[in-house]
Protein backbone atom coordinates (compact mmCIF):
# COMPACT_ATOMS: atom_id res chain seq x y z
CA GLN A 1 66.01 79.01 110.92
CA VAL A 2 66.64 82.32 109.01
CA LEU A 3 69.62 84.54 110.33
CA LEU A 4 71.03 87.64 109.01
CA VAL A 5 74.34 88.82 110.75
CA GLU A 6 75.03 93.26 109.86
CA SER A 7 78.63 94.01 110.41
CA GLY A 8 80.70 96.75 108.93
CA GLY A 9 79.41 99.69 110.69
CA GLY A 10 81.69 102.86 112.85
CA LEU A 11 81.94 106.19 113.41
CA VAL A 12 83.37 107.68 110.36
CA GLN A 13 84.72 111.21 109.02
CA ALA A 14 82.32 112.51 106.31
CA GLY A 15 83.45 111.75 102.75
CA SER A 16 84.93 108.26 103.91
CA SER A 17 83.57 105.49 103.03
CA LEU A 18 82.76 101.80 104.91
CA ARG A 19 81.13 98.52 103.41
CA LEU A 20 78.68 96.86 105.27
CA SER A 21 78.08 92.83 105.06
CA CYS A 22 75.01 90.94 105.86
CA ALA A 23 75.72 87.65 106.20
CA TYR A 24 72.92 85.09 106.32
CA SER A 25 72.11 81.70 107.06
CA GLY A 26 68.89 79.45 106.00
CA ARG A 27 66.86 78.34 103.37
CA THR A 28 68.62 79.26 100.24
CA PHE A 29 70.15 82.43 100.21
CA VAL A 30 69.98 82.52 95.37
CA ALA A 31 66.59 82.00 96.29
CA TYR A 32 66.48 85.26 97.83
CA ALA A 33 66.11 89.12 97.11
CA PHE A 34 68.10 91.23 99.88
CA GLY A 35 67.58 94.86 101.01
CA TRP A 36 69.06 96.85 103.04
CA PHE A 37 67.49 99.68 105.39
CA ARG A 38 68.37 102.17 107.60
CA GLN A 39 67.19 104.27 111.37
CA ALA A 40 68.23 107.39 112.61
CA PRO A 41 66.86 107.97 116.04
CA GLY A 42 63.12 109.77 115.84
CA LYS A 43 62.65 108.23 112.30
CA GLU A 44 60.87 105.58 110.56
CA ARG A 45 62.63 102.88 108.76
CA GLU A 46 63.96 104.04 105.25
CA PHE A 47 64.73 101.78 102.47
CA VAL A 48 68.30 102.47 101.11
CA ALA A 49 69.02 99.67 98.42
CA ALA A 50 67.91 95.96 97.31
CA ILE A 51 69.03 94.03 95.08
CA GLY A 52 67.37 90.99 93.16
CA ARG A 53 67.98 86.69 93.90
CA VAL A 54 70.77 86.12 91.12
CA GLY A 55 71.99 90.38 91.45
CA ASP A 56 71.21 91.54 88.43
CA GLY A 57 68.52 94.06 89.68
CA THR A 58 69.50 96.67 92.14
CA TYR A 59 66.95 99.40 93.02
CA TYR A 60 68.47 102.82 95.38
CA SER A 61 66.49 105.44 97.06
CA ASP A 62 67.12 108.93 95.54
CA SER A 63 69.47 110.22 98.76
CA VAL A 64 72.09 107.64 98.28
CA LYS A 65 72.31 107.05 94.46
CA GLY A 66 75.73 107.41 92.75
CA ARG A 67 77.19 107.36 96.67
CA PHE A 68 76.10 103.30 97.41
CA THR A 69 76.54 99.97 95.99
CA ILE A 70 74.78 96.93 96.62
CA SER A 71 75.69 93.72 95.32
CA LYS A 72 75.13 89.35 96.26
CA ASP A 73 78.19 86.79 97.06
CA ASN A 74 76.13 83.87 96.26
CA ALA A 75 79.38 81.45 96.99
CA LYS A 76 79.84 83.66 100.71
CA ASN A 77 76.02 83.75 101.22
CA THR A 78 76.55 87.36 101.60
CA VAL A 79 74.87 90.65 101.00
CA TYR A 80 77.36 94.29 101.11
CA LEU A 81 76.52 97.78 100.93
CA GLN A 82 79.38 99.93 99.64
CA ALA A 83 79.47 103.05 101.29
CA ASN A 84 80.95 105.84 99.58
CA SER A 85 81.48 109.64 99.84
CA LEU A 86 79.42 109.35 103.16
CA LYS A 87 76.97 112.22 104.29
CA PRO A 88 76.46 112.99 108.46
CA GLU A 89 72.66 112.59 106.97
CA ASP A 90 73.55 109.04 106.72
CA THR A 91 74.50 108.39 109.52
CA ALA A 92 71.63 105.44 111.62
CA VAL A 93 71.28 102.16 112.02
CA TYR A 94 71.62 100.34 108.98
CA PHE A 95 69.34 96.92 108.68
CA CYS A 96 69.84 94.13 105.89
CA ALA A 97 66.55 91.97 105.29
CA ARG A 98 65.68 88.76 103.17
CA GLY A 99 62.37 89.36 100.62
CA THR A 100 61.40 87.66 97.32
CA ILE A 101 61.22 90.98 95.29
CA PRO A 102 63.86 93.15 95.59
CA THR A 103 61.43 96.32 96.94
CA SER A 104 61.46 99.40 98.63
CA ASN A 105 58.10 98.20 100.86
CA VAL A 106 59.43 97.26 104.24
CA ARG A 107 56.53 95.17 104.24
CA LEU A 108 57.49 93.07 101.83
CA TYR A 109 60.79 91.89 103.77
CA SER A 110 60.16 88.54 106.31
CA ALA A 111 63.28 88.28 107.72
CA TRP A 112 65.86 90.93 109.69
CA GLY A 113 69.15 91.50 111.10
CA GLN A 114 70.17 93.22 114.31
CA GLY A 115 71.70 96.75 112.43
CA THR A 116 75.24 98.02 112.41
CA GLN A 117 75.54 101.38 113.71
CA VAL A 118 76.39 104.23 111.16
CA THR A 119 78.04 107.40 112.53
CA VAL A 120 78.99 110.27 110.14
CA ALA A 121 80.80 113.03 111.45
CA SER A 122 81.46 116.15 109.81
């Protein structure tokens, strides 16, 4: 059984930082790519970042490039999203997802966590 559990969200001021974590349990962690997506109220789920199986390929949406960093700790079966210089428009529920390739295509991820809320106050 696959399980992804996000944590690390919260209410912060604009300009602050958060580190989101995604703890994975299930089939071999190193065999998969992972992505972070977010969904704001009334909006579609959007791609934030993705990382390849061995962590050597990372991809970002234009809206977070240069501010967010995705990483993968294969020893801890955990994926991270370091979010710096947060803006009010980053407010959303952030989801971690498992896939076979690092992609922005939400349909190519087969397992999802329940999400963690990030709220950025101006």
